[in-house]
Amino acid sequence: MPPRGNRIKEKLNAGQVATVLGGHDNSTHTIDFFGPLGFDGMWLEGEHGTVSWHQIDDLARACDLWDISSVLRVYSDEPWVITRALDRGVNSIVIPHVNTREQAERIVRSAKFGPIGQRGIYPSRRSYGVPDYFEHANDEIMVIVLIEELRAVENLDEILEVDGIDAFLVAAGDLSQTMGYVAQMEHPEVIKVVDQSIRKIVAAGRTAGALGLTDTMLERNLKSGARLIMTIYDGWLRAATAQYLDNLNRLSGS
């Protein structure tokens, strides 16, 4: 059988916008619910969320069933963390707090097989039934680094010179904190730095990613040139719940 591919990577390589959806729950049931609704990938939260090593296999399988990308954020840039996560079957990996060129180069070495990198040769689940897997695995695996500290912004030119990284996602949350505006993603200074960073990534001929948590944020970051959009469904649930209960109270006279 041919390699399974990577929906997000394929869309980005074709010059299109790709979407990845996350939220408070990391379960196969949630993936099965959102799988047919049109998003290109599911964000699996292994840094702040509940994803543990023994869950990754099934979460990745659920994404495979719906032909969407399994996008796992790990908690460290340590080579063994990156390699083990990929060996468990996800096809996209997100590395937090990437601040230097040297760090980005080490990440690529850990995530890619030779001749690009030095990822340990291991026949993971994604290789089953694919006799020439190691010849195509680097094309399938997607490496995403998070630009989420002011130090990363300052070193962005050098980080962008590193080959083997598929997308540079400018994350406004932690970035706002390192700028002195804790959790103020809509602060004018934070918006300015996010915009400049996205435009610099695009100008370098690389793929920029950003958050699209609100309509305003989505429009702004798309206009800046971001093509990998990450959003979270939690806000939709809260807004729909409040709207429903307000309507209920109005109709019932409560």
Protein backbone atom coordinates (compact mmCIF):
# COMPACT_ATOMS: atom_id res chain seq x y z
CA MET A 1 0.00 0.00 0.00
CA PRO A 2 1.16 3.61 -0.55
CA PRO A 3 2.18 5.89 2.38
CA ARG A 4 -0.81 7.26 4.27
CA GLY A 5 0.10 10.89 3.62
CA ASN A 6 -0.54 14.01 5.65
CA ARG A 7 -3.56 16.14 4.78
CA ILE A 8 -2.29 19.38 6.32
CA LYS A 9 1.14 19.11 4.75
CA GLU A 10 -0.34 18.32 1.35
CA LYS A 11 -2.64 21.36 1.47
CA LEU A 12 0.14 23.68 2.58
CA ASN A 13 2.45 22.37 -0.14
CA ALA A 14 -0.32 23.15 -2.62
CA GLY A 15 -0.45 26.75 -1.42
CA GLN A 16 -3.76 26.33 0.41
CA VAL A 17 -4.86 27.21 3.93
CA ALA A 18 -5.02 24.29 6.39
CA THR A 19 -6.87 24.11 9.69
CA VAL A 20 -6.16 22.26 12.90
CA LEU A 21 -8.71 22.06 15.71
CA GLY A 22 -8.04 21.61 19.40
CA GLY A 23 -9.94 21.77 22.65
CA HIS A 24 -10.22 20.63 26.23
CA ASP A 25 -10.81 16.96 25.41
CA ASN A 26 -8.30 14.62 23.82
CA SER A 27 -10.19 11.44 23.03
CA THR A 28 -10.95 9.20 20.09
CA HIS A 29 -14.65 10.05 20.53
CA THR A 30 -13.98 13.76 19.99
CA ILE A 31 -11.88 12.99 16.91
CA ASP A 32 -14.67 10.78 15.55
CA PHE A 33 -17.18 13.61 16.07
CA PHE A 34 -15.13 16.31 14.37
CA GLY A 35 -13.52 14.01 11.80
CA PRO A 36 -16.19 14.36 9.10
CA LEU A 37 -16.88 18.07 9.69
CA GLY A 38 -14.14 19.47 7.47
CA PHE A 39 -11.10 20.34 9.56
CA ASP A 40 -7.75 19.17 8.24
CA GLY A 41 -6.26 18.01 11.52
CA MET A 42 -6.79 17.53 15.24
CA TRP A 43 -4.48 19.11 17.80
CA LEU A 44 -3.46 16.54 20.41
CA GLU A 45 -2.28 18.31 23.55
CA GLY A 46 0.74 16.55 25.07
CA GLU A 47 2.27 19.60 26.74
CA HIS A 48 -0.62 21.01 28.78
CA GLY A 49 -3.33 18.40 28.23
CA THR A 50 -4.13 14.83 29.09
CA VAL A 51 -2.42 12.96 26.26
CA SER A 52 -0.16 10.23 27.61
CA TRP A 53 2.16 7.88 25.77
CA HIS A 54 -0.24 4.94 25.73
CA GLN A 55 -3.04 7.11 24.22
CA ILE A 56 -1.12 8.46 21.25
CA ASP A 57 -1.48 5.30 19.14
CA ASP A 58 -5.29 5.25 19.29
CA LEU A 59 -5.64 9.01 18.84
CA ALA A 60 -3.49 8.84 15.71
CA ARG A 61 -5.51 5.86 14.42
CA ALA A 62 -8.74 7.82 14.89
CA CYS A 63 -7.31 10.66 12.81
CA ASP A 64 -6.24 8.17 10.13
CA LEU A 65 -9.80 6.83 9.93
CA TRP A 66 -11.06 10.27 8.87
CA ASP A 67 -8.04 11.12 6.73
CA ILE A 68 -7.10 14.08 8.91
CA SER A 69 -3.69 14.92 10.31
CA SER A 70 -2.74 13.96 13.86
CA VAL A 71 -0.96 17.03 15.25
CA LEU A 72 0.72 16.29 18.57
CA ARG A 73 2.28 19.03 20.70
CA VAL A 74 4.97 17.48 22.86
CA TYR A 75 6.30 18.93 26.09
CA SER A 76 9.99 19.02 25.25
CA ASP A 77 12.44 19.30 22.38
CA GLU A 78 14.47 16.37 23.72
CA PRO A 79 15.32 13.97 20.86
CA TRP A 80 13.88 10.93 22.63
CA VAL A 81 10.55 12.73 23.19
CA ILE A 82 10.24 13.70 19.52
CA THR A 83 11.30 10.30 18.21
CA ARG A 84 9.08 8.32 20.55
CA ALA A 85 6.06 10.50 19.78
CA LEU A 86 6.51 9.94 16.04
CA ASP A 87 7.10 6.23 16.57
CA ARG A 88 3.68 6.05 18.22
CA GLY A 89 2.08 6.98 14.90
CA VAL A 90 1.29 10.69 14.66
CA ASN A 91 2.15 12.33 11.36
CA SER A 92 2.66 15.90 12.64
CA ILE A 93 4.60 17.09 15.65
CA VAL A 94 4.64 20.49 17.34
CA ILE A 95 7.63 21.62 19.38
CA PRO A 96 7.08 24.43 21.92
CA HIS A 97 9.41 27.31 22.81
CA VAL A 98 11.80 27.10 19.87
CA ASN A 99 14.12 30.06 20.40
CA THR A 100 17.38 29.42 18.53
CA ARG A 101 18.71 28.10 15.26
CA GLU A 102 20.65 25.39 17.09
CA GLN A 103 17.48 24.19 18.79
CA ALA A 104 15.62 24.10 15.47
CA GLU A 105 18.44 22.11 13.85
CA ARG A 106 18.38 19.55 16.68
CA ILE A 107 14.62 19.18 16.28
CA VAL A 108 14.96 18.40 12.57
CA ARG A 109 17.67 15.82 13.28
CA SER A 110 15.36 14.12 15.79
CA ALA A 111 12.24 14.17 13.60
CA LYS A 112 13.62 13.25 10.18
CA PHE A 113 15.28 10.09 8.90
CA GLY A 114 18.49 10.34 6.91
CA PRO A 115 19.76 11.93 4.82
CA ILE A 116 17.97 14.93 6.38
CA GLY A 117 18.17 13.87 10.03
CA GLN A 118 19.16 11.11 12.38
CA ARG A 119 15.85 9.80 13.68
CA GLY A 120 16.34 6.27 14.91
CA ILE A 121 15.32 3.60 12.41
CA TYR A 122 12.25 1.87 13.83
CA PRO A 123 9.32 0.25 11.97
CA SER A 124 6.50 2.21 13.60
CA ARG A 125 2.82 1.63 12.92
CA ARG A 126 2.87 4.03 9.97
CA SER A 127 5.31 1.71 8.19
CA TYR A 128 3.05 -1.35 8.30
CA GLY A 129 2.20 -2.49 4.78
CA VAL A 130 4.48 0.14 3.23
CA PRO A 131 7.60 -1.71 2.00
CA ASP A 132 9.50 1.47 1.07
CA TYR A 133 8.38 3.46 4.12
CA PHE A 134 11.78 4.90 5.03
CA GLU A 135 12.12 6.34 1.52
CA HIS A 136 8.91 8.36 1.92
CA ALA A 137 8.54 8.97 5.67
CA ASN A 138 10.21 12.39 5.62
CA ASP A 139 7.66 13.54 3.01
CA GLU A 140 4.79 12.41 5.24
CA ILE A 141 5.96 13.69 8.63
CA MET A 142 5.31 17.35 9.38
CA VAL A 143 7.46 19.38 11.79
CA ILE A 144 5.92 22.51 13.29
CA VAL A 145 7.83 24.82 15.64
CA LEU A 146 6.20 27.36 17.91
CA ILE A 147 7.48 30.91 17.90
CA GLU A 148 6.14 31.89 21.30
CA GLU A 149 8.81 33.88 23.08
CA LEU A 150 10.31 37.29 22.44
CA ARG A 151 13.69 35.59 22.20
CA ALA A 152 12.40 33.50 19.29
CA VAL A 153 11.18 36.65 17.55
CA GLU A 154 14.61 38.23 17.99
CA ASN A 155 16.27 35.12 16.50
CA LEU A 156 13.63 34.50 13.85
CA ASP A 157 15.86 35.27 10.86
CA GLU A 158 18.30 32.54 11.87
CA ILE A 159 15.58 30.05 12.79
CA LEU A 160 14.00 30.51 9.36
CA GLU A 161 17.24 29.39 7.71
CA VAL A 162 16.82 25.85 9.06
CA ASP A 163 15.63 23.38 6.44
CA GLY A 164 13.29 20.53 7.33
CA ILE A 165 10.76 22.60 9.29
CA ASP A 166 7.37 22.62 7.60
CA ALA A 167 5.66 25.45 9.48
CA PHE A 168 6.49 28.20 11.96
CA LEU A 169 3.46 28.88 14.13
CA VAL A 170 3.44 32.25 15.90
CA ALA A 171 1.64 31.59 19.19
CA ALA A 172 0.33 34.79 20.73
CA GLY A 173 -0.43 33.35 24.18
CA ASP A 174 3.02 32.72 25.61
CA LEU A 175 4.44 35.44 23.39
CA SER A 176 2.24 38.00 25.14
CA GLN A 177 3.61 36.83 28.49
CA THR A 178 7.25 37.21 27.48
CA MET A 179 6.42 40.71 26.22
CA GLY A 180 5.02 41.68 29.63
CA TYR A 181 1.33 41.48 28.67
CA VAL A 182 0.27 38.23 30.32
CA ALA A 183 -2.53 36.50 28.36
CA GLN A 184 -3.30 39.74 26.47
CA MET A 185 -3.24 38.33 22.96
CA GLU A 186 -5.17 41.33 21.64
CA HIS A 187 -2.83 43.94 23.10
CA PRO A 188 -1.75 46.27 20.29
CA GLU A 189 1.96 45.57 20.88
CA VAL A 190 1.37 41.80 20.79
CA ILE A 191 -0.69 42.09 17.61
CA LYS A 192 2.12 44.15 16.05
CA VAL A 193 4.81 41.56 16.85
CA VAL A 194 2.63 38.65 15.67
CA ASP A 195 1.91 40.46 12.40
CA GLN A 196 5.58 41.31 11.82
CA SER A 197 6.64 37.76 12.59
CA ILE A 198 4.12 36.20 10.21
CA ARG A 199 5.12 38.58 7.44
CA LYS A 200 8.81 37.84 8.01
CA ILE A 201 8.17 34.08 7.78
CA VAL A 202 6.25 34.52 4.53
CA ALA A 203 8.89 36.85 3.09
CA ALA A 204 11.50 34.16 3.74
CA GLY A 205 9.50 31.74 1.61
CA ARG A 206 8.46 29.62 4.57
CA THR A 207 5.01 28.60 5.83
CA ALA A 208 3.55 30.70 8.65
CA GLY A 209 1.01 29.50 11.15
CA ALA A 210 -1.06 31.44 13.67
CA LEU A 211 -4.09 31.28 15.92
CA GLY A 212 -7.61 31.91 14.68
CA LEU A 213 -9.50 31.93 17.97
CA THR A 214 -11.90 34.73 16.98
CA ASP A 215 -13.19 36.04 13.67
CA THR A 216 -11.10 39.19 14.09
CA MET A 217 -7.93 37.27 14.90
CA LEU A 218 -8.54 34.85 12.03
CA GLU A 219 -9.03 37.63 9.47
CA ARG A 220 -6.01 39.55 10.71
CA ASN A 221 -3.62 36.59 10.66
CA LEU A 222 -4.80 35.37 7.27
CA LYS A 223 -4.26 38.87 5.89
CA SER A 224 -0.72 38.82 7.31
CA GLY A 225 -0.06 35.62 5.36
CA ALA A 226 -0.61 32.74 7.79
CA ARG A 227 -1.77 29.54 6.09
CA LEU A 228 -1.75 27.08 9.00
CA ILE A 229 -4.58 28.10 11.31
CA MET A 230 -5.05 26.62 14.76
CA THR A 231 -8.29 27.19 16.65
CA ILE A 232 -10.05 25.81 19.72
CA TYR A 233 -13.66 24.72 20.01
CA ASP A 234 -14.02 25.53 23.74
CA GLY A 235 -15.11 29.10 23.04
CA TRP A 236 -17.79 27.90 20.65
CA LEU A 237 -19.24 25.61 23.32
CA ARG A 238 -19.33 28.41 25.91
CA ALA A 239 -20.90 30.90 23.50
CA ALA A 240 -23.53 28.43 22.26
CA THR A 241 -24.34 27.37 25.82
CA ALA A 242 -24.84 30.96 26.95
CA GLN A 243 -26.99 31.72 23.90
CA TYR A 244 -29.14 28.63 24.45
CA LEU A 245 -29.70 29.30 28.15
CA ASP A 246 -30.51 32.96 27.50
CA ASN A 247 -33.06 31.89 24.89
CA LEU A 248 -34.47 29.25 27.25
CA ASN A 249 -34.86 31.76 30.05
CA ARG A 250 -36.48 34.27 27.71
CA LEU A 251 -38.99 31.77 26.33
CA SER A 252 -39.81 30.29 29.72
CA GLY A 253 -40.08 33.64 31.48
CA SER A 254 -37.45 32.63 34.03
